[in-house]
Amino acid sequence: MRRLENRPLYEILPSMNERVKSRGRHMPKTKLKEHRINRDWCKGCGICVAFCPKSVLELDAQDKAVAVRIEDCIACRLCELRCPDLAIEVTVADQKPEAGSQKSE
């Protein structure tokens, strides 16, 4: 086993990062299929707007959430998870499993 105590972090981390990249371990990109907002359930609290990392959501004139930049949505589902009224549903497109990721029986 290699000893790491005497090496500074800037020497250790890049080599670990390169190993992860070479093994191809990364999260697959999810594709948005549908982004539904139930306007009857939305109370306009703005939590979804605040948590959206891509500024997809805004509050309209009636203080209801609306997806104004749906093409920027990365389907992270933060809006869906944080909505206290369960008014948002994000559906992602089915992903094909990568070769070698299937369990063998």
PDB file of N, CA and C in Angstrom:
ATOM      1  N   MET A   1       0.845  -1.176   0.000  1.00  0.00           N
ATOM      2  CA  MET A   1       0.000   0.000   0.000  1.00  0.00           C
ATOM      3  C   MET A   1       0.892   1.242   0.000  1.00  0.00           C
ATOM      4  N   ARG A   2       0.499   2.228  -0.786  1.00  0.00           N
ATOM      5  CA  ARG A   2       1.280   3.464  -0.861  1.00  0.00           C
ATOM      6  C   ARG A   2       1.001   4.320   0.353  1.00  0.00           C
ATOM      7  N   ARG A   3       2.021   4.997   0.809  1.00  0.00           N
ATOM      8  CA  ARG A   3       1.869   5.931   1.916  1.00  0.00           C
ATOM      9  C   ARG A   3       1.557   7.309   1.357  1.00  0.00           C
ATOM     10  N   LEU A   4       0.503   7.934   1.881  1.00  0.00           N
ATOM     11  CA  LEU A   4       0.080   9.224   1.385  1.00  0.00           C
ATOM     12  C   LEU A   4       0.357  10.362   2.356  1.00  0.00           C
ATOM     13  N   GLU A   5       0.770  10.043   3.591  1.00  0.00           N
ATOM     14  CA  GLU A   5       0.916  11.093   4.598  1.00  0.00           C
ATOM     15  C   GLU A   5       1.926  12.165   4.221  1.00  0.00           C
ATOM     16  N   ASN A   6       2.972  11.795   3.555  1.00  0.00           N
ATOM     17  CA  ASN A   6       4.049  12.739   3.272  1.00  0.00           C
ATOM     18  C   ASN A   6       3.861  13.497   1.966  1.00  0.00           C
ATOM     19  N   ARG A   7       2.800  13.193   1.243  1.00  0.00           N
ATOM     20  CA  ARG A   7       2.571  13.879  -0.028  1.00  0.00           C
ATOM     21  C   ARG A   7       1.524  14.956   0.157  1.00  0.00           C
ATOM     22  N   PRO A   8       1.733  16.135  -0.429  1.00  0.00           N
ATOM     23  CA  PRO A   8       0.708  17.182  -0.344  1.00  0.00           C
ATOM     24  C   PRO A   8      -0.518  16.808  -1.179  1.00  0.00           C
ATOM     25  N   LEU A   9      -1.666  17.358  -0.787  1.00  0.00           N
ATOM     26  CA  LEU A   9      -2.926  17.032  -1.464  1.00  0.00           C
ATOM     27  C   LEU A   9      -2.905  17.351  -2.951  1.00  0.00           C
ATOM     28  N   TYR A  10      -2.254  18.446  -3.343  1.00  0.00           N
ATOM     29  CA  TYR A  10      -2.251  18.808  -4.757  1.00  0.00           C
ATOM     30  C   TYR A  10      -1.538  17.772  -5.612  1.00  0.00           C
ATOM     31  N   GLU A  11      -0.727  16.919  -4.998  1.00  0.00           N
ATOM     32  CA  GLU A  11      -0.105  15.825  -5.751  1.00  0.00           C
ATOM     33  C   GLU A  11      -1.000  14.588  -5.782  1.00  0.00           C
ATOM     34  N   ILE A  12      -1.785  14.386  -4.739  1.00  0.00           N
ATOM     35  CA  ILE A  12      -2.612  13.197  -4.638  1.00  0.00           C
ATOM     36  C   ILE A  12      -3.871  13.323  -5.485  1.00  0.00           C
ATOM     37  N   LEU A  13      -4.600  14.428  -5.361  1.00  0.00           N
ATOM     38  CA  LEU A  13      -5.899  14.574  -6.003  1.00  0.00           C
ATOM     39  C   LEU A  13      -5.872  14.524  -7.523  1.00  0.00           C
ATOM     40  N   PRO A  14      -4.933  15.177  -8.195  1.00  0.00           N
ATOM     41  CA  PRO A  14      -4.954  15.068  -9.665  1.00  0.00           C
ATOM     42  C   PRO A  14      -4.801  13.637 -10.163  1.00  0.00           C
ATOM     43  N   SER A  15      -3.963  12.856  -9.506  1.00  0.00           N
ATOM     44  CA  SER A  15      -3.790  11.480  -9.961  1.00  0.00           C
ATOM     45  C   SER A  15      -5.062  10.661  -9.733  1.00  0.00           C
ATOM     46  N   MET A  16      -5.760  10.909  -8.631  1.00  0.00           N
ATOM     47  CA  MET A  16      -7.014  10.218  -8.365  1.00  0.00           C
ATOM     48  C   MET A  16      -8.065  10.639  -9.381  1.00  0.00           C
ATOM     49  N   ASN A  17      -8.104  11.911  -9.701  1.00  0.00           N
ATOM     50  CA  ASN A  17      -9.064  12.435 -10.668  1.00  0.00           C
ATOM     51  C   ASN A  17      -8.833  11.809 -12.043  1.00  0.00           C
ATOM     52  N   GLU A  18      -7.617  11.662 -12.448  1.00  0.00           N
ATOM     53  CA  GLU A  18      -7.301  11.055 -13.738  1.00  0.00           C
ATOM     54  C   GLU A  18      -7.717   9.586 -13.778  1.00  0.00           C
ATOM     55  N   ARG A  19      -7.553   8.876 -12.664  1.00  0.00           N
ATOM     56  CA  ARG A  19      -7.974   7.473 -12.623  1.00  0.00           C
ATOM     57  C   ARG A  19      -9.483   7.343 -12.785  1.00  0.00           C
ATOM     58  N   VAL A  20     -10.235   8.214 -12.147  1.00  0.00           N
ATOM     59  CA  VAL A  20     -11.690   8.178 -12.266  1.00  0.00           C
ATOM     60  C   VAL A  20     -12.106   8.462 -13.704  1.00  0.00           C
ATOM     61  N   LYS A  21     -11.476   9.461 -14.334  1.00  0.00           N
ATOM     62  CA  LYS A  21     -11.796   9.790 -15.725  1.00  0.00           C
ATOM     63  C   LYS A  21     -11.476   8.628 -16.650  1.00  0.00           C
ATOM     64  N   SER A  22     -10.349   7.973 -16.433  1.00  0.00           N
ATOM     65  CA  SER A  22      -9.946   6.890 -17.328  1.00  0.00           C
ATOM     66  C   SER A  22     -10.867   5.684 -17.207  1.00  0.00           C
ATOM     67  N   ARG A  23     -11.506   5.514 -16.061  1.00  0.00           N
ATOM     68  CA  ARG A  23     -12.423   4.400 -15.874  1.00  0.00           C
ATOM     69  C   ARG A  23     -13.827   4.714 -16.375  1.00  0.00           C
ATOM     70  N   GLY A  24     -14.064   5.950 -16.746  1.00  0.00           N
ATOM     71  CA  GLY A  24     -15.350   6.321 -17.305  1.00  0.00           C
ATOM     72  C   GLY A  24     -16.465   6.418 -16.285  1.00  0.00           C
ATOM     73  N   ARG A  25     -16.139   6.714 -15.057  1.00  0.00           N
ATOM     74  CA  ARG A  25     -17.161   6.817 -14.020  1.00  0.00           C
ATOM     75  C   ARG A  25     -17.666   8.250 -13.956  1.00  0.00           C
ATOM     76  N   HIS A  26     -18.798   8.452 -14.515  1.00  0.00           N
ATOM     77  CA  HIS A  26     -19.441   9.758 -14.468  1.00  0.00           C
ATOM     78  C   HIS A  26     -20.941   9.546 -14.566  1.00  0.00           C
ATOM     79  N   MET A  27     -21.677  10.537 -14.145  1.00  0.00           N
ATOM     80  CA  MET A  27     -23.127  10.420 -14.192  1.00  0.00           C
ATOM     81  C   MET A  27     -23.615  10.675 -15.610  1.00  0.00           C
ATOM     82  N   PRO A  28     -24.497   9.822 -16.092  1.00  0.00           N
ATOM     83  CA  PRO A  28     -25.036  10.061 -17.432  1.00  0.00           C
ATOM     84  C   PRO A  28     -25.955  11.275 -17.419  1.00  0.00           C
ATOM     85  N   LYS A  29     -25.980  11.989 -18.526  1.00  0.00           N
ATOM     86  CA  LYS A  29     -26.859  13.146 -18.630  1.00  0.00           C
ATOM     87  C   LYS A  29     -28.293  12.664 -18.790  1.00  0.00           C
ATOM     88  N   THR A  30     -29.187  13.296 -18.049  1.00  0.00           N
ATOM     89  CA  THR A  30     -30.591  12.939 -18.164  1.00  0.00           C
ATOM     90  C   THR A  30     -31.270  13.895 -19.122  1.00  0.00           C
ATOM     91  N   LYS A  31     -32.205  13.369 -19.868  1.00  0.00           N
ATOM     92  CA  LYS A  31     -32.952  14.187 -20.824  1.00  0.00           C
ATOM     93  C   LYS A  31     -34.355  14.396 -20.303  1.00  0.00           C
ATOM     94  N   LEU A  32     -34.783  15.633 -20.355  1.00  0.00           N
ATOM     95  CA  LEU A  32     -36.116  15.984 -19.900  1.00  0.00           C
ATOM     96  C   LEU A  32     -37.152  15.477 -20.888  1.00  0.00           C
ATOM     97  N   LYS A  33     -38.169  14.814 -20.352  1.00  0.00           N
ATOM     98  CA  LYS A  33     -39.282  14.371 -21.185  1.00  0.00           C
ATOM     99  C   LYS A  33     -40.463  15.322 -20.996  1.00  0.00           C
ATOM    100  N   GLU A  34     -40.763  15.638 -19.727  1.00  0.00           N
ATOM    101  CA  GLU A  34     -41.902  16.505 -19.451  1.00  0.00           C
ATOM    102  C   GLU A  34     -41.697  17.219 -18.117  1.00  0.00           C
ATOM    103  N   HIS A  35     -42.149  18.450 -18.052  1.00  0.00           N
ATOM    104  CA  HIS A  35     -42.062  19.266 -16.839  1.00  0.00           C
ATOM    105  C   HIS A  35     -43.464  19.803 -16.569  1.00  0.00           C
ATOM    106  N   ARG A  36     -44.161  19.204 -15.592  1.00  0.00           N
ATOM    107  CA  ARG A  36     -45.547  19.587 -15.311  1.00  0.00           C
ATOM    108  C   ARG A  36     -45.639  20.374 -14.018  1.00  0.00           C
ATOM    109  N   ILE A  37     -46.401  21.464 -14.053  1.00  0.00           N
ATOM    110  CA  ILE A  37     -46.673  22.255 -12.862  1.00  0.00           C
ATOM    111  C   ILE A  37     -48.187  22.326 -12.696  1.00  0.00           C
ATOM    112  N   ASN A  38     -48.673  21.822 -11.575  1.00  0.00           N
ATOM    113  CA  ASN A  38     -50.096  21.880 -11.279  1.00  0.00           C
ATOM    114  C   ASN A  38     -50.379  23.248 -10.656  1.00  0.00           C
ATOM    115  N   ARG A  39     -50.914  24.149 -11.439  1.00  0.00           N
ATOM    116  CA  ARG A  39     -51.136  25.521 -10.995  1.00  0.00           C
ATOM    117  C   ARG A  39     -52.188  25.613  -9.889  1.00  0.00           C
ATOM    118  N   ASP A  40     -53.082  24.633  -9.801  1.00  0.00           N
ATOM    119  CA  ASP A  40     -54.071  24.637  -8.725  1.00  0.00           C
ATOM    120  C   ASP A  40     -53.430  24.347  -7.369  1.00  0.00           C
ATOM    121  N   TRP A  41     -52.365  23.569  -7.372  1.00  0.00           N
ATOM    122  CA  TRP A  41     -51.696  23.208  -6.128  1.00  0.00           C
ATOM    123  C   TRP A  41     -50.624  24.217  -5.737  1.00  0.00           C
ATOM    124  N   CYS A  42     -50.076  24.928  -6.704  1.00  0.00           N
ATOM    125  CA  CYS A  42     -48.980  25.876  -6.456  1.00  0.00           C
ATOM    126  C   CYS A  42     -49.490  27.067  -5.642  1.00  0.00           C
ATOM    127  N   LYS A  43     -48.793  27.361  -4.528  1.00  0.00           N
ATOM    128  CA  LYS A  43     -49.177  28.516  -3.711  1.00  0.00           C
ATOM    129  C   LYS A  43     -48.275  29.720  -3.970  1.00  0.00           C
ATOM    130  N   GLY A  44     -47.286  29.563  -4.861  1.00  0.00           N
ATOM    131  CA  GLY A  44     -46.430  30.681  -5.231  1.00  0.00           C
ATOM    132  C   GLY A  44     -45.374  31.035  -4.203  1.00  0.00           C
ATOM    133  N   CYS A  45     -44.864  30.060  -3.483  1.00  0.00           N
ATOM    134  CA  CYS A  45     -43.864  30.337  -2.449  1.00  0.00           C
ATOM    135  C   CYS A  45     -42.500  30.697  -3.037  1.00  0.00           C
ATOM    136  N   GLY A  46     -42.207  30.231  -4.250  1.00  0.00           N
ATOM    137  CA  GLY A  46     -40.950  30.563  -4.922  1.00  0.00           C
ATOM    138  C   GLY A  46     -39.773  29.686  -4.555  1.00  0.00           C
ATOM    139  N   ILE A  47     -40.002  28.634  -3.780  1.00  0.00           N
ATOM    140  CA  ILE A  47     -38.901  27.741  -3.408  1.00  0.00           C
ATOM    141  C   ILE A  47     -38.304  27.078  -4.642  1.00  0.00           C
ATOM    142  N   CYS A  48     -39.148  26.640  -5.552  1.00  0.00           N
ATOM    143  CA  CYS A  48     -38.658  25.991  -6.778  1.00  0.00           C
ATOM    144  C   CYS A  48     -37.813  26.954  -7.602  1.00  0.00           C
ATOM    145  N   VAL A  49     -38.220  28.198  -7.656  1.00  0.00           N
ATOM    146  CA  VAL A  49     -37.487  29.226  -8.408  1.00  0.00           C
ATOM    147  C   VAL A  49     -36.107  29.426  -7.789  1.00  0.00           C
ATOM    148  N   ALA A  50     -36.058  29.456  -6.472  1.00  0.00           N
ATOM    149  CA  ALA A  50     -34.795  29.684  -5.776  1.00  0.00           C
ATOM    150  C   ALA A  50     -33.817  28.521  -5.934  1.00  0.00           C
ATOM    151  N   PHE A  51     -34.317  27.297  -5.991  1.00  0.00           N
ATOM    152  CA  PHE A  51     -33.443  26.124  -6.062  1.00  0.00           C
ATOM    153  C   PHE A  51     -33.040  25.732  -7.476  1.00  0.00           C
ATOM    154  N   CYS A  52     -33.712  26.233  -8.495  1.00  0.00           N
ATOM    155  CA  CYS A  52     -33.389  25.846  -9.868  1.00  0.00           C
ATOM    156  C   CYS A  52     -32.002  26.369 -10.260  1.00  0.00           C
ATOM    157  N   PRO A  53     -31.054  25.464 -10.567  1.00  0.00           N
ATOM    158  CA  PRO A  53     -29.696  25.911 -10.889  1.00  0.00           C
ATOM    159  C   PRO A  53     -29.571  26.584 -12.263  1.00  0.00           C
ATOM    160  N   LYS A  54     -30.552  26.405 -13.123  1.00  0.00           N
ATOM    161  CA  LYS A  54     -30.496  26.951 -14.477  1.00  0.00           C
ATOM    162  C   LYS A  54     -31.514  28.066 -14.716  1.00  0.00           C
ATOM    163  N   SER A  55     -32.175  28.540 -13.677  1.00  0.00           N
ATOM    164  CA  SER A  55     -33.166  29.623 -13.770  1.00  0.00           C
ATOM    165  C   SER A  55     -34.253  29.328 -14.799  1.00  0.00           C
ATOM    166  N   VAL A  56     -34.732  28.107 -14.784  1.00  0.00           N
ATOM    167  CA  VAL A  56     -35.788  27.688 -15.703  1.00  0.00           C
ATOM    168  C   VAL A  56     -37.144  28.227 -15.247  1.00  0.00           C
ATOM    169  N   LEU A  57     -37.341  28.291 -13.936  1.00  0.00           N
ATOM    170  CA  LEU A  57     -38.634  28.658 -13.377  1.00  0.00           C
ATOM    171  C   LEU A  57     -38.692  30.116 -12.936  1.00  0.00           C
ATOM    172  N   GLU A  58     -39.872  30.688 -13.065  1.00  0.00           N
ATOM    173  CA  GLU A  58     -40.152  32.040 -12.569  1.00  0.00           C
ATOM    174  C   GLU A  58     -41.580  32.062 -12.042  1.00  0.00           C
ATOM    175  N   LEU A  59     -41.899  33.068 -11.244  1.00  0.00           N
ATOM    176  CA  LEU A  59     -43.276  33.270 -10.805  1.00  0.00           C
ATOM    177  C   LEU A  59     -43.941  34.236 -11.769  1.00  0.00           C
ATOM    178  N   ASP A  60     -45.160  33.917 -12.194  1.00  0.00           N
ATOM    179  CA  ASP A  60     -45.874  34.782 -13.134  1.00  0.00           C
ATOM    180  C   ASP A  60     -46.677  35.852 -12.386  1.00  0.00           C
ATOM    181  N   ALA A  61     -47.549  36.542 -13.087  1.00  0.00           N
ATOM    182  CA  ALA A  61     -48.333  37.638 -12.506  1.00  0.00           C
ATOM    183  C   ALA A  61     -49.268  37.157 -11.395  1.00  0.00           C
ATOM    184  N   GLN A  62     -49.694  35.893 -11.440  1.00  0.00           N
ATOM    185  CA  GLN A  62     -50.562  35.333 -10.399  1.00  0.00           C
ATOM    186  C   GLN A  62     -49.748  34.664  -9.279  1.00  0.00           C
ATOM    187  N   ASP A  63     -48.441  34.885  -9.268  1.00  0.00           N
ATOM    188  CA  ASP A  63     -47.534  34.258  -8.299  1.00  0.00           C
ATOM    189  C   ASP A  63     -47.612  32.731  -8.337  1.00  0.00           C
ATOM    190  N   LYS A  64     -47.633  32.195  -9.524  1.00  0.00           N
ATOM    191  CA  LYS A  64     -47.596  30.750  -9.737  1.00  0.00           C
ATOM    192  C   LYS A  64     -46.319  30.423 -10.512  1.00  0.00           C
ATOM    193  N   ALA A  65     -45.724  29.274 -10.212  1.00  0.00           N
ATOM    194  CA  ALA A  65     -44.512  28.857 -10.903  1.00  0.00           C
ATOM    195  C   ALA A  65     -44.812  28.525 -12.357  1.00  0.00           C
ATOM    196  N   VAL A  66     -43.910  28.942 -13.234  1.00  0.00           N
ATOM    197  CA  VAL A  66     -44.033  28.633 -14.651  1.00  0.00           C
ATOM    198  C   VAL A  66     -42.621  28.410 -15.210  1.00  0.00           C
ATOM    199  N   ALA A  67     -42.504  27.415 -16.098  1.00  0.00           N
ATOM    200  CA  ALA A  67     -41.218  27.113 -16.734  1.00  0.00           C
ATOM    201  C   ALA A  67     -41.058  28.017 -17.945  1.00  0.00           C
ATOM    202  N   VAL A  68     -40.210  29.043 -17.829  1.00  0.00           N
ATOM    203  CA  VAL A  68     -40.048  30.004 -18.920  1.00  0.00           C
ATOM    204  C   VAL A  68     -38.882  29.652 -19.847  1.00  0.00           C
ATOM    205  N   ARG A  69     -37.924  28.880 -19.363  1.00  0.00           N
ATOM    206  CA  ARG A  69     -36.774  28.471 -20.185  1.00  0.00           C
ATOM    207  C   ARG A  69     -36.634  26.946 -20.108  1.00  0.00           C
ATOM    208  N   ILE A  70     -37.640  26.253 -20.584  1.00  0.00           N
ATOM    209  CA  ILE A  70     -37.689  24.794 -20.483  1.00  0.00           C
ATOM    210  C   ILE A  70     -36.518  24.135 -21.218  1.00  0.00           C
ATOM    211  N   GLU A  71     -36.018  24.761 -22.261  1.00  0.00           N
ATOM    212  CA  GLU A  71     -34.892  24.188 -23.017  1.00  0.00           C
ATOM    213  C   GLU A  71     -33.604  24.167 -22.208  1.00  0.00           C
ATOM    214  N   ASP A  72     -33.532  24.962 -21.129  1.00  0.00           N
ATOM    215  CA  ASP A  72     -32.345  24.988 -20.276  1.00  0.00           C
ATOM    216  C   ASP A  72     -32.409  23.971 -19.141  1.00  0.00           C
ATOM    217  N   CYS A  73     -33.543  23.308 -18.975  1.00  0.00           N
ATOM    218  CA  CYS A  73     -33.744  22.363 -17.870  1.00  0.00           C
ATOM    219  C   CYS A  73     -32.791  21.175 -18.002  1.00  0.00           C
ATOM    220  N   ILE A  74     -32.101  20.856 -16.921  1.00  0.00           N
ATOM    221  CA  ILE A  74     -31.172  19.721 -16.910  1.00  0.00           C
ATOM    222  C   ILE A  74     -31.774  18.510 -16.189  1.00  0.00           C
ATOM    223  N   ALA A  75     -33.050  18.588 -15.846  1.00  0.00           N
ATOM    224  CA  ALA A  75     -33.797  17.499 -15.199  1.00  0.00           C
ATOM    225  C   ALA A  75     -33.138  17.047 -13.900  1.00  0.00           C
ATOM    226  N   CYS A  76     -32.676  18.008 -13.114  1.00  0.00           N
ATOM    227  CA  CYS A  76     -32.061  17.672 -11.826  1.00  0.00           C
ATOM    228  C   CYS A  76     -33.106  17.349 -10.769  1.00  0.00           C
ATOM    229  N   ARG A  77     -34.335  17.766 -10.996  1.00  0.00           N
ATOM    230  CA  ARG A  77     -35.484  17.491 -10.140  1.00  0.00           C
ATOM    231  C   ARG A  77     -35.456  18.219  -8.797  1.00  0.00           C
ATOM    232  N   LEU A  78     -34.606  19.223  -8.656  1.00  0.00           N
ATOM    233  CA  LEU A  78     -34.585  19.974  -7.403  1.00  0.00           C
ATOM    234  C   LEU A  78     -35.910  20.677  -7.160  1.00  0.00           C
ATOM    235  N   CYS A  79     -36.525  21.189  -8.199  1.00  0.00           N
ATOM    236  CA  CYS A  79     -37.818  21.860  -8.043  1.00  0.00           C
ATOM    237  C   CYS A  79     -38.867  20.883  -7.541  1.00  0.00           C
ATOM    238  N   GLU A  80     -38.881  19.698  -8.108  1.00  0.00           N
ATOM    239  CA  GLU A  80     -39.844  18.669  -7.718  1.00  0.00           C
ATOM    240  C   GLU A  80     -39.616  18.228  -6.273  1.00  0.00           C
ATOM    241  N   LEU A  81     -38.381  18.045  -5.895  1.00  0.00           N
ATOM    242  CA  LEU A  81     -38.058  17.580  -4.552  1.00  0.00           C
ATOM    243  C   LEU A  81     -38.320  18.632  -3.480  1.00  0.00           C
ATOM    244  N   ARG A  82     -38.146  19.902  -3.824  1.00  0.00           N
ATOM    245  CA  ARG A  82     -38.281  20.974  -2.836  1.00  0.00           C
ATOM    246  C   ARG A  82     -39.689  21.560  -2.742  1.00  0.00           C
ATOM    247  N   CYS A  83     -40.533  21.308  -3.701  1.00  0.00           N
ATOM    248  CA  CYS A  83     -41.880  21.893  -3.700  1.00  0.00           C
ATOM    249  C   CYS A  83     -42.695  21.345  -2.528  1.00  0.00           C
ATOM    250  N   PRO A  84     -43.088  22.202  -1.589  1.00  0.00           N
ATOM    251  CA  PRO A  84     -43.839  21.719  -0.426  1.00  0.00           C
ATOM    252  C   PRO A  84     -45.275  21.315  -0.770  1.00  0.00           C
ATOM    253  N   ASP A  85     -45.766  21.746  -1.921  1.00  0.00           N
ATOM    254  CA  ASP A  85     -47.143  21.444  -2.322  1.00  0.00           C
ATOM    255  C   ASP A  85     -47.236  20.284  -3.306  1.00  0.00           C
ATOM    256  N   LEU A  86     -46.093  19.690  -3.663  1.00  0.00           N
ATOM    257  CA  LEU A  86     -46.038  18.590  -4.632  1.00  0.00           C
ATOM    258  C   LEU A  86     -46.686  18.979  -5.958  1.00  0.00           C
ATOM    259  N   ALA A  87     -46.516  20.232  -6.339  1.00  0.00           N
ATOM    260  CA  ALA A  87     -47.155  20.757  -7.543  1.00  0.00           C
ATOM    261  C   ALA A  87     -46.320  20.550  -8.802  1.00  0.00           C
ATOM    262  N   ILE A  88     -45.080  20.096  -8.654  1.00  0.00           N
ATOM    263  CA  ILE A  88     -44.183  19.962  -9.810  1.00  0.00           C
ATOM    264  C   ILE A  88     -43.831  18.497 -10.011  1.00  0.00           C
ATOM    265  N   GLU A  89     -43.892  18.083 -11.273  1.00  0.00           N
ATOM    266  CA  GLU A  89     -43.489  16.724 -11.633  1.00  0.00           C
ATOM    267  C   GLU A  89     -42.552  16.802 -12.835  1.00  0.00           C
ATOM    268  N   VAL A  90     -41.364  16.279 -12.654  1.00  0.00           N
ATOM    269  CA  VAL A  90     -40.362  16.246 -13.722  1.00  0.00           C
ATOM    270  C   VAL A  90     -40.231  14.804 -14.184  1.00  0.00           C
ATOM    271  N   THR A  91     -40.438  14.574 -15.464  1.00  0.00           N
ATOM    272  CA  THR A  91     -40.321  13.236 -16.042  1.00  0.00           C
ATOM    273  C   THR A  91     -39.116  13.238 -16.977  1.00  0.00           C
ATOM    274  N   VAL A  92     -38.266  12.236 -16.813  1.00  0.00           N
ATOM    275  CA  VAL A  92     -37.086  12.129 -17.665  1.00  0.00           C
ATOM    276  C   VAL A  92     -37.281  11.006 -18.672  1.00  0.00           C
ATOM    277  N   ALA A  93     -36.602  11.135 -19.802  1.00  0.00           N
ATOM    278  CA  ALA A  93     -36.668  10.113 -20.847  1.00  0.00           C
ATOM    279  C   ALA A  93     -35.955   8.861 -20.368  1.00  0.00           C
ATOM    280  N   ASP A  94     -36.450   7.707 -20.774  1.00  0.00           N
ATOM    281  CA  ASP A  94     -35.819   6.450 -20.391  1.00  0.00           C
ATOM    282  C   ASP A  94     -34.420   6.391 -20.985  1.00  0.00           C
ATOM    283  N   GLN A  95     -33.484   5.927 -20.165  1.00  0.00           N
ATOM    284  CA  GLN A  95     -32.102   5.812 -20.597  1.00  0.00           C
ATOM    285  C   GLN A  95     -31.795   4.349 -20.876  1.00  0.00           C
ATOM    286  N   LYS A  96     -31.048   4.108 -21.938  1.00  0.00           N
ATOM    287  CA  LYS A  96     -30.608   2.749 -22.224  1.00  0.00           C
ATOM    288  C   LYS A  96     -29.443   2.434 -21.304  1.00  0.00           C
ATOM    289  N   PRO A  97     -29.427   1.238 -20.687  1.00  0.00           N
ATOM    290  CA  PRO A  97     -28.289   0.895 -19.830  1.00  0.00           C
ATOM    291  C   PRO A  97     -27.023   0.756 -20.655  1.00  0.00           C
ATOM    292  N   GLU A  98     -25.913   1.207 -20.073  1.00  0.00           N
ATOM    293  CA  GLU A  98     -24.637   1.136 -20.783  1.00  0.00           C
ATOM    294  C   GLU A  98     -24.173  -0.310 -20.820  1.00  0.00           C
ATOM    295  N   ALA A  99     -23.386  -0.633 -21.829  1.00  0.00           N
ATOM    296  CA  ALA A  99     -22.853  -1.984 -21.959  1.00  0.00           C
ATOM    297  C   ALA A  99     -21.969  -2.285 -20.753  1.00  0.00           C
ATOM    298  N   GLY A 100     -22.143  -3.460 -20.185  1.00  0.00           N
ATOM    299  CA  GLY A 100     -21.336  -3.850 -19.025  1.00  0.00           C
ATOM    300  C   GLY A 100     -21.929  -3.427 -17.705  1.00  0.00           C
ATOM    301  N   SER A 101     -22.998  -2.651 -17.713  1.00  0.00           N
ATOM    302  CA  SER A 101     -23.577  -2.217 -16.450  1.00  0.00           C
ATOM    303  C   SER A 101     -24.722  -3.112 -16.001  1.00  0.00           C
ATOM    304  N   GLN A 102     -25.059  -4.120 -16.811  1.00  0.00           N
ATOM    305  CA  GLN A 102     -26.130  -5.036 -16.438  1.00  0.00           C
ATOM    306  C   GLN A 102     -25.611  -6.079 -15.472  1.00  0.00           C
ATOM    307  N   LYS A 103     -26.459  -6.466 -14.532  1.00  0.00           N
ATOM    308  CA  LYS A 103     -26.066  -7.488 -13.572  1.00  0.00           C
ATOM    309  C   LYS A 103     -26.107  -8.858 -14.242  1.00  0.00           C
ATOM    310  N   SER A 104     -25.127  -9.650 -13.959  1.00  0.00           N
ATOM    311  CA  SER A 104     -25.147 -11.014 -14.492  1.00  0.00           C
ATOM    312  C   SER A 104     -25.804 -11.923 -13.472  1.00  0.00           C
ATOM    313  N   GLU A 105     -26.534 -12.872 -13.959  1.00  0.00           N
ATOM    314  CA  GLU A 105     -27.274 -13.769 -13.059  1.00  0.00           C
ATOM    315  C   GLU A 105     -26.553 -15.081 -12.905  1.00  0.00           C
TER     316      GLU A 105
END
